């Protein structure tokens, strides 16, 4: 199989886990190459995500690394299975790769938690609201790219819709509720959409009111994507140059603590619903 020129974030993650497992066992790359019957360069490519590893070779490596966490190994093997082309691949070459990586990671997450301080969560944005957000980008996006990003964002919402939606806990700061992207009418429509979404059993929305005071973190959006086992969780944060993906255990622990802290300061789901409805009525 030819090497990939641009591995996805999920493919890079599998490679990183292979490297972690190998180094934790004290195996050299040369030893792993001999064990799997490939040359040393292919091991480097597997660990960078630019080359696939077969499920059979992955199990062989895990066995020789004395990895006895069967759930973890099974989850890695599932990641290594040849996958059907995801819907997001239709946008490859037209939208930045990081945006497509978000969609792929959301698709495979078993639970999602997030903190949004300025914008509504992308998975719950109305069409008008999302369009207003994309038109506020600098430098301005051309109309055709606004349309592409809007179509992609609405397709992303599949993960919280349908017969098997992903459980979602969203923490919103009151500031995000009062921001009027697109004007009063669009903002009111967005809040009404949020109220309807929050009534679904798999969605929990909680608001941090202004009077809750200070909070930890630098004020960025944080999305915590839970994997099939805790070792495969991923944190996605926004930055000026695009999304960043974090998965070192110290980073995961830091953001779990931050999310727990903010949930502890947030209003109950019922109180949050009432506040969202009150703000919508003021618009």
Protein backbone atom coordinates (compact mmCIF):
# COMPACT_ATOMS: atom_id res chain seq x y z
CA UNK A 1 0.00 0.00 0.00
CA UNK A 2 1.38 3.39 -1.03
CA UNK A 3 2.29 5.95 1.60
CA UNK A 4 -0.25 8.68 2.29
CA UNK A 5 0.83 12.20 1.43
CA UNK A 6 -1.56 13.87 3.90
CA UNK A 7 -2.73 11.54 6.68
CA UNK A 8 -5.84 12.55 8.58
CA UNK A 9 -5.75 13.37 12.27
CA UNK A 10 -7.30 9.97 13.04
CA UNK A 11 -4.65 8.18 10.98
CA UNK A 12 -1.89 10.16 12.71
CA UNK A 13 -3.42 9.26 16.06
CA UNK A 14 -3.31 5.54 15.30
CA UNK A 15 0.34 5.89 14.33
CA UNK A 16 1.08 7.76 17.57
CA UNK A 17 -0.56 4.98 19.59
CA UNK A 18 1.53 2.36 17.77
CA UNK A 19 4.67 4.33 18.65
CA UNK A 20 3.55 4.73 22.26
CA UNK A 21 2.92 1.00 22.60
CA UNK A 22 6.26 0.09 21.02
CA UNK A 23 8.36 2.51 23.08
CA UNK A 24 6.57 1.61 26.32
CA UNK A 25 7.67 -1.98 25.71
CA UNK A 26 11.25 -0.89 25.03
CA UNK A 27 11.25 -2.21 21.46
CA UNK A 28 13.37 -0.54 18.81
CA UNK A 29 12.04 0.34 15.40
CA UNK A 30 14.38 -2.22 13.89
CA UNK A 31 13.00 -4.94 16.14
CA UNK A 32 9.41 -4.01 15.30
CA UNK A 33 10.25 -4.02 11.58
CA UNK A 34 11.69 -7.51 11.81
CA UNK A 35 8.74 -8.71 13.87
CA UNK A 36 6.23 -7.44 11.31
CA UNK A 37 8.27 -8.37 8.26
CA UNK A 38 8.70 -4.85 6.91
CA UNK A 39 11.64 -2.51 6.50
CA UNK A 40 12.56 0.10 9.10
CA UNK A 41 11.28 2.95 6.98
CA UNK A 42 7.79 1.50 6.91
CA UNK A 43 7.69 1.42 10.72
CA UNK A 44 8.47 5.15 10.74
CA UNK A 45 5.72 5.73 8.17
CA UNK A 46 3.22 3.67 10.18
CA UNK A 47 4.02 5.66 13.31
CA UNK A 48 3.61 8.99 11.49
CA UNK A 49 0.26 7.90 10.09
CA UNK A 50 1.45 8.08 6.49
CA UNK A 51 1.17 4.31 6.01
CA UNK A 52 -1.54 1.92 7.18
CA UNK A 53 -0.96 -1.03 9.49
CA UNK A 54 -3.09 -4.11 9.04
CA UNK A 55 -5.23 -5.34 11.96
CA UNK A 56 -3.25 -8.60 11.98
CA UNK A 57 0.11 -6.84 12.27
CA UNK A 58 -1.30 -4.55 14.94
CA UNK A 59 -2.35 -7.53 17.05
CA UNK A 60 1.06 -9.12 16.53
CA UNK A 61 2.80 -5.97 17.72
CA UNK A 62 0.47 -5.59 20.73
CA UNK A 63 1.12 -9.21 21.74
CA UNK A 64 4.88 -8.77 21.56
CA UNK A 65 4.61 -5.50 23.48
CA UNK A 66 2.86 -7.43 26.29
CA UNK A 67 -0.10 -5.05 26.03
CA UNK A 68 -2.75 -6.79 28.14
CA UNK A 69 -5.42 -4.06 27.85
CA UNK A 70 -7.68 -5.94 25.47
CA UNK A 71 -10.24 -3.15 25.15
CA UNK A 72 -7.48 -0.74 24.10
CA UNK A 73 -6.03 -3.21 21.59
CA UNK A 74 -9.49 -3.93 20.15
CA UNK A 75 -10.11 -0.19 19.75
CA UNK A 76 -6.81 0.23 17.89
CA UNK A 77 -7.64 -2.73 15.66
CA UNK A 78 -10.98 -1.11 14.85
CA UNK A 79 -9.13 2.08 13.87
CA UNK A 80 -6.87 0.02 11.60
CA UNK A 81 -9.77 -1.58 9.73
CA UNK A 82 -10.18 -0.38 6.13
CA UNK A 83 -12.92 2.24 6.39
CA UNK A 84 -15.61 3.26 3.99
CA UNK A 85 -15.20 6.72 2.52
CA UNK A 86 -16.73 9.21 4.97
CA UNK A 87 -19.12 11.90 3.75
CA UNK A 88 -16.57 14.58 4.68
CA UNK A 89 -14.18 13.28 2.01
CA UNK A 90 -16.35 14.96 -0.61
CA UNK A 91 -14.95 18.26 0.67
CA UNK A 92 -11.27 17.25 0.53
CA UNK A 93 -9.34 19.68 -1.61
CA UNK A 94 -12.07 22.29 -1.20
CA UNK A 95 -11.96 22.93 2.56
CA UNK A 96 -9.02 22.96 5.01
CA UNK A 97 -8.02 19.48 6.22
CA UNK A 98 -8.51 20.45 9.88
CA UNK A 99 -12.22 21.08 9.30
CA UNK A 100 -12.58 17.61 7.80
CA UNK A 101 -10.63 16.11 10.72
CA UNK A 102 -13.19 17.57 13.14
CA UNK A 103 -16.03 15.87 11.26
CA UNK A 104 -14.22 12.52 11.22
CA UNK A 105 -13.41 12.64 14.93
CA UNK A 106 -16.99 13.63 15.80
CA UNK A 107 -18.24 10.73 13.68
CA UNK A 108 -16.19 8.23 15.71
CA UNK A 109 -16.68 9.79 19.17
CA UNK A 110 -18.86 7.92 21.66
CA UNK A 111 -19.58 11.07 23.72
CA UNK A 112 -18.94 14.78 23.24
CA UNK A 113 -18.48 17.52 25.82
CA UNK A 114 -17.79 21.13 24.97
CA UNK A 115 -17.32 24.64 26.30
CA UNK A 116 -18.29 27.59 24.10
CA UNK A 117 -17.82 31.15 25.29
CA UNK A 118 -18.60 33.28 22.23
CA UNK A 119 -20.17 31.09 19.53
CA UNK A 120 -22.89 28.46 19.60
CA UNK A 121 -21.64 24.86 19.25
CA UNK A 122 -21.17 24.06 15.56
CA UNK A 123 -23.34 20.95 15.86
CA UNK A 124 -26.28 23.09 16.99
CA UNK A 125 -25.94 26.16 14.78
CA UNK A 126 -28.85 27.19 12.60
CA UNK A 127 -28.16 27.77 8.93
CA UNK A 128 -28.54 31.56 9.21
CA UNK A 129 -26.37 31.77 12.31
CA UNK A 130 -23.58 29.62 10.80
CA UNK A 131 -23.60 31.72 7.65
CA UNK A 132 -23.26 34.89 9.72
CA UNK A 133 -20.27 33.38 11.59
CA UNK A 134 -18.52 32.44 8.34
CA UNK A 135 -19.07 35.92 6.93
CA UNK A 136 -17.33 37.43 9.96
CA UNK A 137 -13.98 35.80 9.07
CA UNK A 138 -10.90 37.89 8.20
CA UNK A 139 -9.77 38.00 5.50
CA UNK A 140 -13.31 37.62 4.12
CA UNK A 141 -14.15 34.26 2.58
CA UNK A 142 -15.39 34.20 -1.02
CA UNK A 143 -19.07 33.39 -1.38
CA UNK A 144 -18.45 29.91 -2.77
CA UNK A 145 -16.34 28.96 0.27
CA UNK A 146 -18.97 30.33 2.66
CA UNK A 147 -21.46 28.06 0.89
CA UNK A 148 -19.11 25.06 1.14
CA UNK A 149 -18.45 25.62 4.84
CA UNK A 150 -22.13 26.03 5.52
CA UNK A 151 -23.01 22.79 3.71
CA UNK A 152 -20.24 20.95 5.57
CA UNK A 153 -21.34 22.32 8.95
CA UNK A 154 -24.94 21.25 8.43
CA UNK A 155 -23.82 17.75 7.41
CA UNK A 156 -21.71 17.53 10.57
CA UNK A 157 -24.90 17.78 12.57
CA UNK A 158 -25.76 14.20 11.57
CA UNK A 159 -23.90 12.95 14.64
CA UNK A 160 -26.47 14.49 17.00
CA UNK A 161 -29.45 13.57 14.85
CA UNK A 162 -31.03 10.37 13.55
CA UNK A 163 -31.60 7.01 15.20
CA UNK A 164 -28.24 6.70 17.01
CA UNK A 165 -27.21 10.22 18.02
CA UNK A 166 -24.03 10.83 19.99
CA UNK A 167 -24.61 11.95 23.62
CA UNK A 168 -23.62 15.60 23.99
CA UNK A 169 -23.03 17.84 26.99
CA UNK A 170 -22.54 21.47 26.06
CA UNK A 171 -21.51 24.27 28.42
CA UNK A 172 -22.33 27.74 27.13
CA UNK A 173 -21.33 31.04 28.65
CA UNK A 174 -24.07 33.66 28.83
CA UNK A 175 -21.91 35.83 26.57
CA UNK A 176 -22.40 33.34 23.73
CA UNK A 177 -26.16 33.55 24.18
CA UNK A 178 -26.15 37.35 23.96
CA UNK A 179 -23.87 37.68 20.92
CA UNK A 180 -25.98 38.75 17.94
CA UNK A 181 -24.27 37.17 14.96
CA UNK A 182 -26.40 38.08 11.95
CA UNK A 183 -28.51 40.56 13.91
CA UNK A 184 -31.40 40.25 16.36
CA UNK A 185 -33.66 38.12 14.18
CA UNK A 186 -30.95 35.57 13.40
CA UNK A 187 -29.82 35.51 17.04
CA UNK A 188 -33.36 34.93 18.25
CA UNK A 189 -33.86 32.14 15.73
CA UNK A 190 -30.62 30.55 16.90
CA UNK A 191 -31.70 30.59 20.54
CA UNK A 192 -35.08 29.11 19.65
CA UNK A 193 -33.25 26.37 17.74
CA UNK A 194 -31.06 25.78 20.79
CA UNK A 195 -34.12 25.41 23.00
CA UNK A 196 -35.58 22.79 20.66
CA UNK A 197 -32.28 20.91 20.55
CA UNK A 198 -31.98 20.90 24.35
CA UNK A 199 -35.27 19.02 24.65
CA UNK A 200 -33.74 15.94 23.03
CA UNK A 201 -32.82 13.24 25.60
CA UNK A 202 -29.23 12.82 24.38
CA UNK A 203 -28.44 16.55 24.64
CA UNK A 204 -27.64 18.41 27.87
CA UNK A 205 -27.02 22.15 27.70
CA UNK A 206 -25.87 24.14 30.71
CA UNK A 207 -25.22 27.87 30.92
CA UNK A 208 -22.58 29.70 32.94
CA UNK A 209 -24.18 33.05 33.83
CA UNK A 210 -22.24 36.30 34.00
CA UNK A 211 -22.56 36.37 37.79
CA UNK A 212 -20.65 33.07 38.09
CA UNK A 213 -17.50 35.16 37.85
CA UNK A 214 -14.12 33.99 36.62
CA UNK A 215 -13.34 30.63 35.06
CA UNK A 216 -10.19 28.67 34.19
CA UNK A 217 -8.60 28.50 30.77
CA UNK A 218 -7.73 31.09 28.15
CA UNK A 219 -11.28 31.53 26.97
CA UNK A 220 -11.01 29.29 23.93
CA UNK A 221 -13.56 26.79 22.64
CA UNK A 222 -12.87 23.29 23.97
CA UNK A 223 -14.42 20.13 22.56
CA UNK A 224 -13.72 16.86 24.36
CA UNK A 225 -14.30 13.85 22.10
CA UNK A 226 -14.47 10.59 24.03
CA UNK A 227 -13.10 7.53 22.29
CA UNK A 228 -14.14 3.91 22.81
CA UNK A 229 -11.53 3.72 25.59
CA UNK A 230 -10.18 6.65 27.66
CA UNK A 231 -6.70 6.36 26.11
CA UNK A 232 -8.19 7.36 22.75
CA UNK A 233 -9.96 10.53 23.90
CA UNK A 234 -9.14 13.70 21.97
CA UNK A 235 -9.42 17.40 22.80
CA UNK A 236 -10.00 19.86 19.99
CA UNK A 237 -9.43 23.55 20.61
CA UNK A 238 -9.82 26.50 18.27
CA UNK A 239 -6.94 28.78 17.38
CA UNK A 240 -6.41 31.67 14.99
CA UNK A 241 -4.75 29.35 12.47
CA UNK A 242 -7.23 26.49 12.68
CA UNK A 243 -8.17 23.61 14.98
CA UNK A 244 -5.61 21.92 17.23
CA UNK A 245 -5.89 18.35 18.45
CA UNK A 246 -4.47 17.22 21.80
CA UNK A 247 -4.30 13.71 23.24
CA UNK A 248 -1.42 13.42 25.68
CA UNK A 249 -2.70 12.14 29.02
CA UNK A 250 -1.61 15.29 30.86
CA UNK A 251 -3.53 17.40 28.35
CA UNK A 252 -6.63 15.20 28.54
CA UNK A 253 -6.54 15.34 32.33
CA UNK A 254 -6.21 19.13 32.28
CA UNK A 255 -9.25 19.62 30.05
CA UNK A 256 -11.35 17.03 31.88
CA UNK A 257 -10.70 18.98 35.06
CA UNK A 258 -11.57 22.26 33.34
CA UNK A 259 -14.83 20.87 31.98
CA UNK A 260 -15.76 19.41 35.36
CA UNK A 261 -15.03 22.75 37.05
CA UNK A 262 -17.17 24.66 34.57
CA UNK A 263 -20.04 22.19 34.85
CA UNK A 264 -19.88 22.73 38.60
CA UNK A 265 -20.34 26.49 38.11
CA UNK A 266 -23.05 26.18 35.46
CA UNK A 267 -26.78 26.41 36.00
CA UNK A 268 -28.83 23.22 35.99
CA UNK A 269 -30.26 22.14 32.60
CA UNK A 270 -33.67 23.42 33.68
CA UNK A 271 -32.33 26.79 34.84
CA UNK A 272 -30.25 27.02 31.68
CA UNK A 273 -33.33 26.42 29.53
CA UNK A 274 -35.16 29.20 31.32
CA UNK A 275 -32.27 31.64 30.84
CA UNK A 276 -31.95 30.83 27.14
CA UNK A 277 -35.68 31.35 26.69
CA UNK A 278 -35.58 34.64 28.62
CA UNK A 279 -32.75 36.00 26.45
CA UNK A 280 -34.58 34.89 23.29
CA UNK A 281 -37.69 36.79 24.41
CA UNK A 282 -35.60 39.94 24.92
CA UNK A 283 -34.49 39.94 21.29
